[in-house]
Protein backbone atom coordinates (compact mmCIF):
# COMPACT_ATOMS: atom_id res chain seq x y z
CA UNK A 1 16.52 -17.70 -17.52
CA UNK A 2 13.67 -17.27 -14.98
CA UNK A 3 10.08 -17.07 -16.16
CA UNK A 4 8.09 -13.86 -15.75
CA UNK A 5 6.14 -15.51 -12.91
CA UNK A 6 9.39 -16.38 -11.08
CA UNK A 7 10.65 -12.81 -11.46
CA UNK A 8 7.45 -11.42 -10.02
CA UNK A 9 7.54 -13.88 -7.16
CA UNK A 10 11.10 -12.81 -6.36
CA UNK A 11 9.98 -9.17 -6.60
CA UNK A 12 7.10 -9.88 -4.22
CA UNK A 13 9.38 -11.61 -1.72
CA UNK A 14 11.89 -8.74 -1.94
CA UNK A 15 9.15 -6.29 -0.91
CA UNK A 16 8.00 -8.59 1.87
CA UNK A 17 11.47 -9.20 3.30
CA UNK A 18 12.81 -5.66 2.77
CA UNK A 19 9.75 -3.41 2.57
CA UNK A 20 9.77 0.18 1.34
CA UNK A 21 8.89 2.63 4.13
CA UNK A 22 7.52 0.18 6.67
CA UNK A 23 7.20 1.72 10.09
CA UNK A 24 5.74 4.82 11.65
CA UNK A 25 5.74 8.39 10.33
CA UNK A 26 5.90 10.84 13.26
CA UNK A 27 5.19 13.77 10.90
CA UNK A 28 2.04 12.20 9.44
CA UNK A 29 -0.72 14.62 8.48
CA UNK A 30 -3.11 11.84 7.37
CA UNK A 31 -3.56 8.21 8.44
CA UNK A 32 -5.95 5.30 8.27
CA UNK A 33 -5.94 1.64 9.32
CA UNK A 34 -8.16 -1.22 8.27
CA UNK A 35 -8.19 -5.00 8.15
CA UNK A 36 -9.35 -7.77 5.90
CA UNK A 37 -12.04 -9.51 7.97
CA UNK A 38 -11.68 -12.74 5.98
CA UNK A 39 -8.08 -13.38 6.95
CA UNK A 40 -7.14 -10.84 9.62
CA UNK A 41 -4.51 -8.94 7.59
CA UNK A 42 -4.05 -5.39 8.93
CA UNK A 43 -2.52 -2.38 7.17
CA UNK A 44 -2.06 1.17 8.47
CA UNK A 45 -0.99 3.93 6.10
CA UNK A 46 0.48 7.21 7.35
CA UNK A 47 1.00 10.11 4.95
CA UNK A 48 2.66 13.50 5.08
CA UNK A 49 0.82 15.61 2.52
CA UNK A 50 2.24 19.04 1.70
CA UNK A 51 0.25 22.25 1.06
CA UNK A 52 0.34 21.65 -2.70
CA UNK A 53 -1.34 18.27 -2.28
CA UNK A 54 1.70 16.06 -2.84
CA UNK A 55 2.64 13.01 -0.77
CA UNK A 56 5.99 14.05 0.69
CA UNK A 57 6.32 10.92 2.83
CA UNK A 58 4.37 7.70 3.14
CA UNK A 59 4.78 4.76 5.47
CA UNK A 60 2.79 1.63 6.15
CA UNK A 61 2.69 -0.79 9.01
CA UNK A 62 0.75 -3.93 9.62
CA UNK A 63 0.69 -7.66 9.87
CA UNK A 64 -0.52 -10.37 7.58
CA UNK A 65 0.29 -12.50 4.60
CA UNK A 66 3.09 -11.96 2.11
CA UNK A 67 0.64 -10.56 -0.45
CA UNK A 68 -0.90 -7.88 1.80
CA UNK A 69 2.42 -6.70 3.18
CA UNK A 70 4.39 -6.82 -0.09
CA UNK A 71 1.64 -5.03 -2.00
CA UNK A 72 1.52 -2.27 0.65
CA UNK A 73 5.29 -1.84 0.24
CA UNK A 74 4.95 -1.68 -3.55
CA UNK A 75 2.17 0.86 -3.21
CA UNK A 76 4.17 3.13 -0.90
CA UNK A 77 7.05 3.06 -3.36
CA UNK A 78 4.70 3.87 -6.26
CA UNK A 79 2.94 6.84 -4.62
CA UNK A 80 5.91 8.44 -2.84
CA UNK A 81 6.23 12.02 -4.11
CA UNK A 82 3.05 11.85 -6.23
CA UNK A 83 0.21 14.40 -6.24
CA UNK A 84 -2.93 13.32 -4.38
CA UNK A 85 -5.02 13.64 -7.57
CA UNK A 86 -2.82 11.04 -9.27
CA UNK A 87 -3.01 8.71 -6.27
CA UNK A 88 -6.79 9.03 -6.09
CA UNK A 89 -7.08 8.05 -9.75
CA UNK A 90 -5.18 4.79 -9.16
CA UNK A 91 -7.67 1.98 -9.81
CA UNK A 92 -7.92 -1.44 -8.21
CA UNK A 93 -6.98 -2.99 -11.55
CA UNK A 94 -3.85 -0.83 -11.72
CA UNK A 95 -2.96 -1.90 -8.18
CA UNK A 96 -3.31 -5.56 -9.15
CA UNK A 97 -1.09 -4.93 -12.19
CA UNK A 98 1.48 -3.17 -9.99
CA UNK A 99 1.60 -6.26 -7.79
CA UNK A 100 2.24 -8.54 -10.74
CA UNK A 101 1.25 -12.19 -10.33
CA UNK A 102 -2.35 -13.13 -11.10
CA UNK A 103 -4.34 -13.74 -7.94
CA UNK A 104 -7.55 -15.55 -7.05
CA UNK A 105 -10.43 -13.29 -5.96
CA UNK A 106 -9.77 -13.97 -2.26
CA UNK A 107 -6.07 -13.19 -2.65
CA UNK A 108 -6.93 -10.03 -4.61
CA UNK A 109 -8.56 -8.76 -1.41
CA UNK A 110 -5.20 -9.20 0.34
CA UNK A 111 -3.46 -7.27 -2.42
CA UNK A 112 -6.02 -4.46 -2.44
CA UNK A 113 -6.09 -3.90 1.33
CA UNK A 114 -3.25 -1.35 1.29
CA UNK A 115 -4.80 0.41 -1.72
CA UNK A 116 -8.15 0.71 0.09
CA UNK A 117 -6.45 2.01 3.23
CA UNK A 118 -4.41 4.55 1.22
CA UNK A 119 -7.56 5.90 -0.44
CA UNK A 120 -9.13 6.40 3.00
CA UNK A 121 -5.96 7.87 4.52
CA UNK A 122 -6.01 10.69 1.98
CA UNK A 123 -9.32 11.82 3.50
CA UNK A 124 -8.36 11.17 7.15
CA UNK A 125 -6.38 14.04 8.69
CA UNK A 126 -4.49 13.14 11.85
CA UNK A 127 -5.74 14.71 15.06
CA UNK A 128 -9.36 15.21 14.03
CA UNK A 129 -12.28 13.15 15.21
């Protein structure tokens, strides 16, 4: 029987190798991109937010380590269909718990990149300067 750590590692690799909603969202109403300057990981989040304030669709794209890309996939899966208010209340600690395995402080930054970008994307309508 695998340990909890092994299960999480398999779960992380599953999201890295077969990510949830990785790509572009042509119907995006909101988007933001940022990078982790320490390692160069990049994540872009594109959202389609309906008039009631719910995330109808969410996609991410980017490049970087397994942790940054897998955590972005996990995050998209977790927030798909959720109201913006619920997504905004998601804390960094909750994001780290969603990811699973314990991480060093530097690796936590990789995990939290997608979460930071998502929080900014909510306030970044597409097509406005």
